[in-house]
Amino acid sequence: MPHSTDCLITGGTGLVGNNLVRLLLERGLRVRTLVRRNAAGRELDGLPVEVVAGDVTDATAVRQAMDGARTVIHSAAMVHVGWRGLDTMRRVNVQGTRLVAEAARKAGARLVQVSSVNALGLTGDGSPADEDTPFQNTVECPYVVTKREAEQVVLEEVDRGLDAVIVNPVFMLGAWDWKPSSGRMLLEVAQGKGLFAPPGSQHFADVRDIAAAIAAALQRGKRGRRYILAGHHLSFLEAWTLFARVTGRRPPRGTAPPPLVRFAGRVGDLIGHCVGREGPLNSAAATMSLLRQHFSSDRAREELGYTNRPLEDTVDHAWGWFVDNGYAKARPSSARLVT
């Protein structure tokens, strides 16, 4: 049986989870992570972390991992913006969260649920949304629906006595993105695929700042409260131009017209239907890229001390990690800005 531990982290091999594992270890905490069998490899190599093999949908594995844990960060989730996979996402994102939250309540452990700003509503006029903005003006695809349902599961357990807070991070970049996940956007621009940017906007943040805020939520977050962890609000054209500059690529030629973006999404749907697997280009993702996704982090800044470092430092740090780990090759015109 596991010994006591300061923090259990689910999803410890993912971008957020892996950064959290390393951050808490640096702070001298004992860390345990629940990892799918045969999933952990180089992500945890050399780290003094206790690994429990299992899945968040396995009640026995969750209870075993929870044994003796003082706090829990639930960052495991299935992430895909598209129209397919609702049943699987409900099993992982919703039922998995239910098992983790219930086990945390019974163990008397504090829980931080890592959700997403995609579970929140948008204002519709481009002004910043906050934690109390009504759920509207978004794309209700399976990922959005199940992340929202997972939040409701946590709040139901709070009503039963669970000590939990919810954090809603934005798009993140940084090191230890082994899959890679959100770093794919940076890599695709570096490969010259970003000729025309979609017309929407998004927040971009450093995963190190997100991880620090999640760690702060473990200590200072108010029970039952949501915290938006936003970043730098940029249009995709602005963001991709920065990505191109850091990676030594030519900047995008401009913004794609919305009808062209929608058409590309429908073509992606057709290809997915033909091959039997939905890819990253589909009508849900295309529609999402048209939205002006703007959020306020005022609550997190005031209550958690959340801050954002310069975005150019973030992009350079992420790009340097990808180059150093063989995901990409640096070009002579690109320059490492920070170490």
Protein backbone atom coordinates (compact mmCIF):
# COMPACT_ATOMS: atom_id res chain seq x y z
CA MET A 1 0.00 0.00 0.00
CA PRO A 2 1.24 3.56 -0.69
CA HIS A 3 2.75 5.55 2.15
CA SER A 4 1.51 9.02 3.05
CA THR A 5 2.26 11.76 0.57
CA ASP A 6 1.92 15.52 0.40
CA CYS A 7 0.22 15.57 -3.00
CA LEU A 8 -1.32 13.11 -5.41
CA ILE A 9 -1.27 14.32 -9.04
CA THR A 10 -3.36 12.61 -11.69
CA GLY A 11 -2.18 13.05 -15.26
CA GLY A 12 1.42 13.46 -14.13
CA THR A 13 2.82 12.74 -17.60
CA GLY A 14 0.85 15.53 -19.31
CA LEU A 15 1.97 19.11 -19.85
CA VAL A 16 0.34 20.56 -16.72
CA GLY A 17 0.81 17.48 -14.56
CA ASN A 18 4.47 16.98 -15.43
CA ASN A 19 5.27 20.62 -14.67
CA LEU A 20 3.41 20.31 -11.36
CA VAL A 21 5.29 17.15 -10.42
CA ARG A 22 8.60 18.92 -10.99
CA LEU A 23 7.52 22.14 -9.26
CA LEU A 24 6.31 20.40 -6.09
CA LEU A 25 9.41 18.20 -5.95
CA GLU A 26 11.58 21.33 -6.21
CA ARG A 27 9.67 22.68 -3.22
CA GLY A 28 10.58 19.62 -1.19
CA LEU A 29 7.17 17.95 -1.21
CA ARG A 30 6.49 14.24 -1.45
CA VAL A 31 4.66 13.61 -4.69
CA ARG A 32 2.69 10.64 -5.96
CA THR A 33 1.16 10.33 -9.40
CA LEU A 34 -1.50 8.04 -10.83
CA VAL A 35 -0.37 6.98 -14.30
CA ARG A 36 -2.00 4.69 -16.81
CA ARG A 37 -0.23 1.34 -17.04
CA ASN A 38 2.67 1.39 -19.51
CA ALA A 39 2.12 5.16 -20.03
CA ALA A 40 4.98 6.51 -17.93
CA GLY A 41 8.37 6.61 -19.60
CA ARG A 42 10.86 9.41 -19.92
CA GLU A 43 8.34 11.89 -18.49
CA LEU A 44 9.19 10.76 -14.95
CA ASP A 45 12.72 9.40 -15.46
CA GLY A 46 15.05 10.32 -12.62
CA LEU A 47 12.35 11.99 -10.54
CA PRO A 48 11.84 10.90 -6.92
CA VAL A 49 8.11 10.47 -7.40
CA GLU A 50 5.94 7.59 -6.27
CA VAL A 51 4.06 6.08 -9.21
CA VAL A 52 0.78 4.20 -8.88
CA ALA A 53 -0.22 2.37 -12.04
CA GLY A 54 -3.87 2.77 -12.89
CA ASP A 55 -6.56 4.80 -14.55
CA VAL A 56 -8.88 7.48 -13.17
CA THR A 57 -11.81 5.36 -14.35
CA ASP A 58 -10.65 2.47 -12.12
CA ALA A 59 -12.16 2.98 -8.65
CA THR A 60 -9.71 0.56 -7.01
CA ALA A 61 -6.67 2.28 -8.49
CA VAL A 62 -8.02 5.71 -7.50
CA ARG A 63 -8.57 4.59 -3.88
CA GLN A 64 -5.09 3.07 -3.74
CA ALA A 65 -3.50 6.24 -5.10
CA MET A 66 -5.52 8.39 -2.69
CA ASP A 67 -4.44 6.44 0.40
CA GLY A 68 -2.49 8.78 2.69
CA ALA A 69 -2.64 11.79 0.34
CA ARG A 70 -3.05 15.18 2.02
CA THR A 71 -3.88 17.04 -1.19
CA VAL A 72 -4.86 16.10 -4.73
CA ILE A 73 -4.44 17.85 -8.09
CA HIS A 74 -6.69 16.25 -10.68
CA SER A 75 -5.23 17.15 -14.07
CA ALA A 76 -5.93 13.93 -15.97
CA ALA A 77 -8.38 14.40 -18.83
CA MET A 78 -9.11 13.43 -22.40
CA VAL A 79 -8.60 16.50 -24.59
CA HIS A 80 -9.88 16.75 -28.15
CA VAL A 81 -11.86 19.55 -29.74
CA GLY A 82 -14.20 17.85 -32.19
CA TRP A 83 -17.63 16.27 -32.44
CA ARG A 84 -16.76 12.64 -31.72
CA GLY A 85 -15.92 10.76 -28.55
CA LEU A 86 -18.66 11.95 -26.19
CA ASP A 87 -19.08 8.58 -24.47
CA THR A 88 -15.34 8.10 -23.98
CA MET A 89 -14.90 11.65 -22.74
CA ARG A 90 -17.76 11.23 -20.29
CA ARG A 91 -16.12 8.08 -18.96
CA VAL A 92 -12.72 9.77 -18.48
CA ASN A 93 -13.53 13.42 -17.84
CA VAL A 94 -16.75 13.06 -15.88
CA GLN A 95 -16.83 9.59 -14.30
CA GLY A 96 -13.08 9.74 -13.65
CA THR A 97 -13.51 13.08 -11.90
CA ARG A 98 -16.40 11.65 -9.89
CA LEU A 99 -14.22 8.81 -8.61
CA VAL A 100 -11.31 11.14 -7.76
CA ALA A 101 -13.53 13.72 -6.04
CA GLU A 102 -15.44 11.11 -4.05
CA ALA A 103 -12.22 9.41 -2.94
CA ALA A 104 -10.71 12.76 -1.94
CA ARG A 105 -13.79 13.60 0.14
CA LYS A 106 -13.68 10.26 1.93
CA ALA A 107 -9.94 10.63 2.53
CA GLY A 108 -10.31 14.19 3.85
CA ALA A 109 -7.91 15.49 1.19
CA ARG A 110 -8.08 18.92 -0.44
CA LEU A 111 -8.67 18.80 -4.20
CA VAL A 112 -7.76 21.18 -7.00
CA GLN A 113 -9.71 20.33 -10.15
CA VAL A 114 -7.87 21.40 -13.29
CA SER A 115 -10.64 22.36 -15.67
CA SER A 116 -10.44 24.71 -18.68
CA VAL A 117 -11.72 28.10 -19.75
CA ASN A 118 -13.56 26.13 -22.44
CA ALA A 119 -15.98 25.10 -19.70
CA LEU A 120 -16.95 28.76 -19.20
CA GLY A 121 -19.11 31.15 -21.17
CA LEU A 122 -17.99 34.04 -23.36
CA THR A 123 -19.41 37.55 -23.45
CA GLY A 124 -19.95 37.51 -27.20
CA ASP A 125 -18.70 41.08 -27.73
CA GLY A 126 -15.02 40.38 -27.07
CA SER A 127 -14.97 41.89 -23.58
CA PRO A 128 -13.38 39.77 -20.83
CA ALA A 129 -15.50 37.00 -19.36
CA ASP A 130 -15.11 36.03 -15.71
CA GLU A 131 -16.09 33.13 -13.47
CA ASP A 132 -19.70 34.33 -13.28
CA THR A 133 -20.31 34.92 -17.01
CA PRO A 134 -23.29 32.80 -18.17
CA PHE A 135 -22.46 29.72 -20.21
CA GLN A 136 -23.06 30.98 -23.73
CA ASN A 137 -21.43 32.00 -27.04
CA THR A 138 -19.21 28.93 -27.25
CA VAL A 139 -19.00 25.63 -29.13
CA GLU A 140 -20.73 22.87 -27.18
CA CYS A 141 -18.62 19.99 -28.43
CA PRO A 142 -17.96 16.88 -26.26
CA TYR A 143 -14.79 18.32 -24.69
CA VAL A 144 -16.57 21.51 -23.62
CA VAL A 145 -19.62 19.61 -22.39
CA THR A 146 -17.66 17.05 -20.37
CA LYS A 147 -15.30 19.57 -18.77
CA ARG A 148 -18.35 21.52 -17.65
CA GLU A 149 -20.02 18.36 -16.35
CA ALA A 150 -16.81 17.47 -14.49
CA GLU A 151 -16.92 20.83 -12.70
CA GLN A 152 -20.50 20.13 -11.65
CA VAL A 153 -19.42 16.76 -10.25
CA VAL A 154 -16.79 18.49 -8.11
CA LEU A 155 -19.28 21.09 -6.86
CA GLU A 156 -21.73 18.34 -5.93
CA GLU A 157 -19.00 16.72 -3.85
CA VAL A 158 -18.26 20.11 -2.27
CA ASP A 159 -21.89 20.18 -1.13
CA ARG A 160 -21.23 16.77 0.49
CA GLY A 161 -18.20 18.12 2.36
CA LEU A 162 -15.29 17.97 -0.10
CA ASP A 163 -12.70 20.75 0.27
CA ALA A 164 -12.10 21.63 -3.38
CA VAL A 165 -11.39 24.50 -5.74
CA ILE A 166 -11.52 24.65 -9.53
CA VAL A 167 -8.97 26.31 -11.78
CA ASN A 168 -9.69 27.22 -15.41
CA PRO A 169 -6.43 27.62 -17.35
CA VAL A 170 -6.10 28.95 -20.89
CA PHE A 171 -3.89 27.77 -23.77
CA MET A 172 -0.45 26.93 -22.34
CA LEU A 173 3.05 26.64 -23.73
CA GLY A 174 6.18 25.39 -22.06
CA ALA A 175 8.67 22.63 -21.43
CA TRP A 176 7.85 19.00 -20.64
CA ASP A 177 5.17 18.89 -23.35
CA TRP A 178 6.01 15.29 -24.19
CA LYS A 179 2.97 14.38 -26.28
CA PRO A 180 3.06 17.23 -27.46
CA SER A 181 -0.30 18.82 -26.65
CA SER A 182 -0.78 22.57 -27.03
CA GLY A 183 2.80 22.83 -28.27
CA ARG A 184 1.63 21.34 -31.56
CA MET A 185 0.47 24.81 -32.61
CA LEU A 186 3.98 26.20 -32.13
CA LEU A 187 5.54 23.25 -33.96
CA GLU A 188 3.15 23.57 -36.89
CA VAL A 189 3.97 27.25 -37.31
CA ALA A 190 7.66 26.30 -37.14
CA GLN A 191 7.02 23.79 -39.95
CA GLY A 192 5.59 26.51 -42.15
CA LYS A 193 1.96 25.42 -41.83
CA GLY A 194 0.69 28.75 -40.52
CA LEU A 195 0.27 30.61 -43.82
CA PHE A 196 -3.03 32.17 -42.80
CA ALA A 197 -4.17 32.51 -39.19
CA PRO A 198 -7.80 32.03 -38.14
CA PRO A 199 -9.57 35.29 -37.29
CA GLY A 200 -10.34 34.58 -33.65
CA SER A 201 -8.37 35.29 -30.48
CA GLN A 202 -7.21 33.38 -27.45
CA HIS A 203 -5.22 33.75 -24.25
CA PHE A 204 -1.67 32.37 -24.20
CA ALA A 205 0.11 31.59 -20.93
CA ASP A 206 3.27 29.97 -19.62
CA VAL A 207 2.68 26.54 -18.09
CA ARG A 208 5.14 27.47 -15.32
CA ASP A 209 2.88 30.36 -14.27
CA ILE A 210 -0.18 28.09 -14.47
CA ALA A 211 1.54 25.43 -12.35
CA ALA A 212 2.53 28.02 -9.72
CA ALA A 213 -1.06 29.25 -9.54
CA ILE A 214 -2.38 25.70 -9.14
CA ALA A 215 0.10 25.14 -6.31
CA ALA A 216 -1.11 28.39 -4.74
CA ALA A 217 -4.71 27.19 -5.06
CA LEU A 218 -3.77 24.15 -2.97
CA GLN A 219 -2.88 26.52 -0.15
CA ARG A 220 -5.02 29.63 -0.60
CA GLY A 221 -7.91 28.81 -2.91
CA LYS A 222 -11.33 29.28 -1.37
CA ARG A 223 -13.47 26.19 -1.08
CA GLY A 224 -16.00 25.79 -3.90
CA ARG A 225 -14.53 28.67 -5.92
CA ARG A 226 -13.43 28.89 -9.57
CA TYR A 227 -10.28 30.70 -10.67
CA ILE A 228 -9.61 31.68 -14.27
CA LEU A 229 -5.89 31.45 -15.08
CA ALA A 230 -5.70 33.61 -18.19
CA GLY A 231 -2.66 35.06 -19.90
CA HIS A 232 -1.84 37.36 -22.79
CA HIS A 233 -4.85 37.99 -25.01
CA LEU A 234 -3.76 37.92 -28.66
CA SER A 235 -5.36 37.32 -32.01
CA PHE A 236 -4.15 34.14 -33.67
CA LEU A 237 -2.41 36.31 -36.23
CA GLU A 238 -0.47 38.11 -33.50
CA ALA A 239 0.40 34.86 -31.74
CA TRP A 240 1.48 33.06 -34.90
CA THR A 241 3.59 36.04 -35.94
CA LEU A 242 5.41 35.79 -32.61
CA PHE A 243 5.79 32.01 -33.02
CA ALA A 244 7.25 32.54 -36.49
CA ARG A 245 9.74 35.14 -35.25
CA VAL A 246 11.01 32.94 -32.43
CA THR A 247 11.30 29.83 -34.61
CA GLY A 248 12.88 31.58 -37.57
CA ARG A 249 9.93 31.26 -39.93
CA ARG A 250 8.25 33.84 -42.12
CA PRO A 251 5.15 35.31 -40.44
CA PRO A 252 1.64 34.42 -41.63
CA ARG A 253 0.47 36.25 -44.72
CA GLY A 254 -2.67 37.41 -42.98
CA THR A 255 -5.96 36.24 -41.54
CA ALA A 256 -8.12 33.64 -43.28
CA PRO A 257 -11.70 34.76 -44.06
CA PRO A 258 -14.27 33.12 -41.75
CA PRO A 259 -16.08 31.34 -44.64
CA LEU A 260 -12.78 29.73 -45.64
CA VAL A 261 -12.16 28.58 -42.07
CA ARG A 262 -15.63 27.05 -41.87
CA PHE A 263 -15.13 25.35 -45.24
CA ALA A 264 -11.81 23.89 -44.08
CA GLY A 265 -13.55 22.56 -40.98
CA ARG A 266 -16.21 20.83 -43.11
CA VAL A 267 -13.50 19.32 -45.31
CA GLY A 268 -11.86 18.02 -42.15
CA ASP A 269 -15.16 16.46 -41.10
CA LEU A 270 -15.42 14.71 -44.48
CA ILE A 271 -11.88 13.38 -44.26
CA GLY A 272 -12.54 12.14 -40.73
CA HIS A 273 -15.67 10.35 -41.91
CA CYS A 274 -13.76 8.69 -44.75
CA VAL A 275 -10.84 7.48 -42.63
CA GLY A 276 -12.97 6.67 -39.58
CA ARG A 277 -11.04 8.95 -37.25
CA GLU A 278 -11.60 12.62 -36.46
CA GLY A 279 -8.47 14.72 -36.81
CA PRO A 280 -7.54 18.07 -35.26
CA LEU A 281 -9.03 19.91 -38.25
CA ASN A 282 -12.81 19.63 -37.99
CA SER A 283 -15.79 21.95 -37.90
CA ALA A 284 -15.86 22.16 -34.09
CA ALA A 285 -12.21 23.23 -33.89
CA ALA A 286 -12.67 25.57 -36.86
CA THR A 287 -15.67 27.27 -35.25
CA MET A 288 -13.77 27.59 -31.97
CA SER A 289 -10.95 29.38 -33.82
CA LEU A 290 -13.42 32.06 -34.95
CA LEU A 291 -14.35 33.03 -31.39
CA ARG A 292 -12.92 35.97 -29.49
CA GLN A 293 -11.93 34.10 -26.35
CA HIS A 294 -11.16 36.78 -23.78
CA PHE A 295 -11.06 36.23 -20.02
CA SER A 296 -10.25 38.07 -16.81
CA SER A 297 -7.90 36.67 -14.15
CA ASP A 298 -8.66 39.39 -11.59
CA ARG A 299 -9.85 36.88 -8.98
CA ALA A 300 -6.79 34.65 -9.37
CA ARG A 301 -4.44 37.62 -9.29
CA GLU A 302 -6.01 38.95 -6.09
CA GLU A 303 -6.51 35.67 -4.21
CA LEU A 304 -3.75 33.41 -5.57
CA GLY A 305 -1.08 35.95 -6.54
CA TYR A 306 -1.24 34.78 -10.16
CA THR A 307 1.14 36.53 -12.56
CA ASN A 308 2.18 36.17 -16.21
CA ARG A 309 5.72 36.48 -17.51
CA PRO A 310 6.40 38.03 -20.96
CA LEU A 311 4.95 35.85 -23.69
CA GLU A 312 8.07 36.05 -25.86
CA ASP A 313 10.05 34.44 -23.02
CA THR A 314 7.42 31.69 -22.84
CA VAL A 315 7.51 30.94 -26.55
CA ASP A 316 11.30 30.90 -26.61
CA HIS A 317 11.43 28.59 -23.59
CA ALA A 318 8.97 26.16 -25.16
CA TRP A 319 10.73 26.26 -28.54
CA GLY A 320 14.10 25.67 -26.91
CA TRP A 321 12.74 22.61 -25.09
CA PHE A 322 11.31 21.17 -28.31
CA VAL A 323 14.61 21.71 -30.12
CA ASP A 324 16.69 20.26 -27.28
CA ASN A 325 14.48 17.16 -27.15
CA GLY A 326 14.46 16.42 -30.85
CA TYR A 327 10.95 17.58 -31.79
CA ALA A 328 12.30 20.26 -34.12
CA LYS A 329 15.53 21.67 -35.52
CA ALA A 330 16.58 25.23 -34.88
CA ARG A 331 17.01 27.41 -37.96
CA PRO A 332 19.94 29.83 -38.36
CA SER A 333 17.54 32.79 -38.30
CA SER A 334 15.96 31.77 -35.00
CA ALA A 335 17.49 32.99 -31.76
CA ARG A 336 17.26 31.63 -28.23
CA LEU A 337 16.13 34.67 -26.24
CA VAL A 338 16.38 33.27 -22.73
CA THR A 339 18.00 30.35 -20.98
